[in-house]
């Protein structure tokens, strides 16, 4: 019997320090908004479901102790470069890595969860990025 396929990622669970502050951070920094039809699930400590503006990704926030493993978001080369500028504008510390076939930018949310944005548009980014900001 063949292995079943997935249709994508439905949502990722994230532990946060403060649910309201985390929801605001994800809205202001990454553009995620509360999903109104799922807001009833939140009983004060989560899950609070957020969705990106393209309605392609969802996050379930839980007010708990401990750090989550985080999410690797996908981006085109142009989107990747725009994210670098966006993070710089908001003074968010990043680590940018050239993985030879992809580029990744690593960052933390306001609860300390580690996240990544990865682009497979290696040629575009290689021709555009300031090499002095890369991690060796």
C-alpha atoms as a PDB file:
ATOM      1  CA  UNK A   1       0.000   0.000   0.000  1.00  0.00           C
ATOM      2  CA  UNK A   2       1.340   3.456  -0.926  1.00  0.00           C
ATOM      3  CA  UNK A   3       2.064   5.999   1.783  1.00  0.00           C
ATOM      4  CA  UNK A   4      -0.670   8.699   1.979  1.00  0.00           C
ATOM      5  CA  UNK A   5       0.262  12.275   1.028  1.00  0.00           C
ATOM      6  CA  UNK A   6      -0.210  15.450   3.042  1.00  0.00           C
ATOM      7  CA  UNK A   7      -1.920  18.537   1.666  1.00  0.00           C
ATOM      8  CA  UNK A   8       0.370  20.910   3.612  1.00  0.00           C
ATOM      9  CA  UNK A   9       0.772  22.160   7.163  1.00  0.00           C
ATOM     10  CA  UNK A  10      -2.488  22.915   8.977  1.00  0.00           C
ATOM     11  CA  UNK A  11      -0.925  24.685  11.959  1.00  0.00           C
ATOM     12  CA  UNK A  12       2.082  24.749  14.270  1.00  0.00           C
ATOM     13  CA  UNK A  13       1.845  24.802  18.073  1.00  0.00           C
ATOM     14  CA  UNK A  14       3.866  27.474  19.862  1.00  0.00           C
ATOM     15  CA  UNK A  15       4.347  28.020  23.575  1.00  0.00           C
ATOM     16  CA  UNK A  16       4.380  31.706  24.485  1.00  0.00           C
ATOM     17  CA  UNK A  17       4.958  33.685  27.673  1.00  0.00           C
ATOM     18  CA  UNK A  18       1.915  35.938  27.340  1.00  0.00           C
ATOM     19  CA  UNK A  19      -0.907  35.115  24.915  1.00  0.00           C
ATOM     20  CA  UNK A  20      -2.077  38.691  24.286  1.00  0.00           C
ATOM     21  CA  UNK A  21       1.444  40.047  23.803  1.00  0.00           C
ATOM     22  CA  UNK A  22       2.382  37.155  21.512  1.00  0.00           C
ATOM     23  CA  UNK A  23      -0.740  37.630  19.368  1.00  0.00           C
ATOM     24  CA  UNK A  24       0.142  41.310  19.026  1.00  0.00           C
ATOM     25  CA  UNK A  25       3.768  40.492  18.113  1.00  0.00           C
ATOM     26  CA  UNK A  26       2.730  37.992  15.432  1.00  0.00           C
ATOM     27  CA  UNK A  27       0.250  40.535  14.049  1.00  0.00           C
ATOM     28  CA  UNK A  28       2.633  43.510  13.992  1.00  0.00           C
ATOM     29  CA  UNK A  29       5.807  41.708  12.937  1.00  0.00           C
ATOM     30  CA  UNK A  30       4.683  38.758  10.775  1.00  0.00           C
ATOM     31  CA  UNK A  31       1.157  39.812   9.750  1.00  0.00           C
ATOM     32  CA  UNK A  32      -0.817  37.004  11.445  1.00  0.00           C
ATOM     33  CA  UNK A  33      -4.352  37.688  12.712  1.00  0.00           C
ATOM     34  CA  UNK A  34      -6.688  35.796  15.017  1.00  0.00           C
ATOM     35  CA  UNK A  35      -8.977  33.390  13.130  1.00  0.00           C
ATOM     36  CA  UNK A  36     -12.426  34.604  14.289  1.00  0.00           C
ATOM     37  CA  UNK A  37     -14.249  31.296  13.763  1.00  0.00           C
ATOM     38  CA  UNK A  38     -11.699  29.489  15.985  1.00  0.00           C
ATOM     39  CA  UNK A  39     -11.304  32.142  18.687  1.00  0.00           C
ATOM     40  CA  UNK A  40     -13.794  30.326  20.957  1.00  0.00           C
ATOM     41  CA  UNK A  41     -11.195  27.611  21.592  1.00  0.00           C
ATOM     42  CA  UNK A  42      -9.079  30.025  23.634  1.00  0.00           C
ATOM     43  CA  UNK A  43      -9.920  29.693  27.319  1.00  0.00           C
ATOM     44  CA  UNK A  44      -7.364  32.291  28.410  1.00  0.00           C
ATOM     45  CA  UNK A  45      -4.292  30.118  27.933  1.00  0.00           C
ATOM     46  CA  UNK A  46      -4.889  28.996  24.322  1.00  0.00           C
ATOM     47  CA  UNK A  47      -5.111  27.606  21.854  1.00  0.00           C
ATOM     48  CA  UNK A  48      -5.390  30.959  20.134  1.00  0.00           C
ATOM     49  CA  UNK A  49      -5.320  30.306  16.388  1.00  0.00           C
ATOM     50  CA  UNK A  50      -3.670  32.869  14.122  1.00  0.00           C
ATOM     51  CA  UNK A  51      -3.505  32.908  10.326  1.00  0.00           C
ATOM     52  CA  UNK A  52      -1.277  34.752   7.838  1.00  0.00           C
ATOM     53  CA  UNK A  53      -2.826  37.301   5.465  1.00  0.00           C
ATOM     54  CA  UNK A  54      -2.691  34.834   2.534  1.00  0.00           C
ATOM     55  CA  UNK A  55      -4.622  32.262   4.621  1.00  0.00           C
ATOM     56  CA  UNK A  56      -1.971  29.610   3.921  1.00  0.00           C
ATOM     57  CA  UNK A  57      -0.442  29.150   7.399  1.00  0.00           C
ATOM     58  CA  UNK A  58      -1.877  28.895  10.898  1.00  0.00           C
ATOM     59  CA  UNK A  59      -0.290  29.045  14.333  1.00  0.00           C
ATOM     60  CA  UNK A  60      -1.834  27.770  17.566  1.00  0.00           C
ATOM     61  CA  UNK A  61      -0.501  29.782  20.504  1.00  0.00           C
ATOM     62  CA  UNK A  62      -0.512  28.335  24.008  1.00  0.00           C
ATOM     63  CA  UNK A  63       0.432  30.245  27.144  1.00  0.00           C
ATOM     64  CA  UNK A  64       2.738  27.684  28.700  1.00  0.00           C
ATOM     65  CA  UNK A  65       6.211  27.375  30.088  1.00  0.00           C
ATOM     66  CA  UNK A  66       9.020  26.257  27.857  1.00  0.00           C
ATOM     67  CA  UNK A  67      10.253  27.149  24.423  1.00  0.00           C
ATOM     68  CA  UNK A  68       8.796  25.603  21.258  1.00  0.00           C
ATOM     69  CA  UNK A  69      10.946  24.287  18.443  1.00  0.00           C
ATOM     70  CA  UNK A  70       9.574  26.911  16.077  1.00  0.00           C
ATOM     71  CA  UNK A  71       8.627  27.147  12.435  1.00  0.00           C
ATOM     72  CA  UNK A  72      10.497  27.310   9.143  1.00  0.00           C
ATOM     73  CA  UNK A  73       8.540  29.633   6.873  1.00  0.00           C
ATOM     74  CA  UNK A  74       9.058  29.497   3.076  1.00  0.00           C
ATOM     75  CA  UNK A  75       9.788  32.582   0.951  1.00  0.00           C
ATOM     76  CA  UNK A  76      10.753  33.518  -2.590  1.00  0.00           C
ATOM     77  CA  UNK A  77      14.026  35.364  -3.055  1.00  0.00           C
ATOM     78  CA  UNK A  78      12.278  38.739  -3.222  1.00  0.00           C
ATOM     79  CA  UNK A  79      10.210  37.928  -0.149  1.00  0.00           C
ATOM     80  CA  UNK A  80      13.345  36.822   1.692  1.00  0.00           C
ATOM     81  CA  UNK A  81      15.073  40.134   0.994  1.00  0.00           C
ATOM     82  CA  UNK A  82      11.932  42.028   2.056  1.00  0.00           C
ATOM     83  CA  UNK A  83      11.878  40.085   5.353  1.00  0.00           C
ATOM     84  CA  UNK A  84      15.499  41.064   6.018  1.00  0.00           C
ATOM     85  CA  UNK A  85      14.585  44.740   5.583  1.00  0.00           C
ATOM     86  CA  UNK A  86      11.443  44.310   7.710  1.00  0.00           C
ATOM     87  CA  UNK A  87      13.362  42.706  10.585  1.00  0.00           C
ATOM     88  CA  UNK A  88      16.006  45.444  10.414  1.00  0.00           C
ATOM     89  CA  UNK A  89      13.276  48.103  10.569  1.00  0.00           C
ATOM     90  CA  UNK A  90      11.878  46.480  13.732  1.00  0.00           C
ATOM     91  CA  UNK A  91      15.318  45.934  15.311  1.00  0.00           C
ATOM     92  CA  UNK A  92      14.835  42.171  15.399  1.00  0.00           C
ATOM     93  CA  UNK A  93      18.134  40.342  15.715  1.00  0.00           C
ATOM     94  CA  UNK A  94      18.704  37.882  12.888  1.00  0.00           C
ATOM     95  CA  UNK A  95      21.280  35.365  11.799  1.00  0.00           C
ATOM     96  CA  UNK A  96      21.518  34.908   8.037  1.00  0.00           C
ATOM     97  CA  UNK A  97      23.049  31.736   6.660  1.00  0.00           C
ATOM     98  CA  UNK A  98      24.133  30.707   3.176  1.00  0.00           C
ATOM     99  CA  UNK A  99      23.475  26.955   2.980  1.00  0.00           C
ATOM    100  CA  UNK A 100      24.958  26.672  -0.541  1.00  0.00           C
ATOM    101  CA  UNK A 101      21.602  25.750  -2.102  1.00  0.00           C
ATOM    102  CA  UNK A 102      19.283  27.797   0.130  1.00  0.00           C
ATOM    103  CA  UNK A 103      19.432  30.879   2.330  1.00  0.00           C
ATOM    104  CA  UNK A 104      17.915  31.049   5.802  1.00  0.00           C
ATOM    105  CA  UNK A 105      17.298  33.872   8.235  1.00  0.00           C
ATOM    106  CA  UNK A 106      16.926  32.845  11.873  1.00  0.00           C
ATOM    107  CA  UNK A 107      15.083  34.969  14.451  1.00  0.00           C
ATOM    108  CA  UNK A 108      13.221  34.716  17.755  1.00  0.00           C
ATOM    109  CA  UNK A 109       9.724  35.821  18.650  1.00  0.00           C
ATOM    110  CA  UNK A 110       8.985  37.809  21.812  1.00  0.00           C
ATOM    111  CA  UNK A 111       8.733  34.578  23.850  1.00  0.00           C
ATOM    112  CA  UNK A 112      12.135  33.282  22.713  1.00  0.00           C
ATOM    113  CA  UNK A 113      10.853  30.696  20.214  1.00  0.00           C
ATOM    114  CA  UNK A 114      13.321  30.144  17.379  1.00  0.00           C
ATOM    115  CA  UNK A 115      12.034  30.551  13.820  1.00  0.00           C
ATOM    116  CA  UNK A 116      13.470  30.488  10.329  1.00  0.00           C
ATOM    117  CA  UNK A 117      12.587  31.812   6.900  1.00  0.00           C
ATOM    118  CA  UNK A 118      14.103  29.719   4.112  1.00  0.00           C
ATOM    119  CA  UNK A 119      14.353  30.501   0.420  1.00  0.00           C
ATOM    120  CA  UNK A 120      15.358  28.116  -2.334  1.00  0.00           C
ATOM    121  CA  UNK A 121      15.798  31.078  -4.712  1.00  0.00           C
ATOM    122  CA  UNK A 122      19.539  30.849  -4.215  1.00  0.00           C
ATOM    123  CA  UNK A 123      20.634  32.620  -7.420  1.00  0.00           C
ATOM    124  CA  UNK A 124      18.444  35.671  -6.802  1.00  0.00           C
ATOM    125  CA  UNK A 125      19.563  36.100  -3.198  1.00  0.00           C
ATOM    126  CA  UNK A 126      23.235  35.476  -4.030  1.00  0.00           C
ATOM    127  CA  UNK A 127      23.096  38.291  -6.570  1.00  0.00           C
ATOM    128  CA  UNK A 128      21.225  40.643  -4.220  1.00  0.00           C
ATOM    129  CA  UNK A 129      22.407  40.117  -0.640  1.00  0.00           C
ATOM    130  CA  UNK A 130      25.223  42.001   1.094  1.00  0.00           C
ATOM    131  CA  UNK A 131      27.662  39.142   1.762  1.00  0.00           C
ATOM    132  CA  UNK A 132      29.096  40.911   4.809  1.00  0.00           C
ATOM    133  CA  UNK A 133      25.942  40.124   6.828  1.00  0.00           C
ATOM    134  CA  UNK A 134      26.206  36.347   6.349  1.00  0.00           C
ATOM    135  CA  UNK A 135      27.283  33.872   9.010  1.00  0.00           C
ATOM    136  CA  UNK A 136      30.375  31.870   8.084  1.00  0.00           C
END
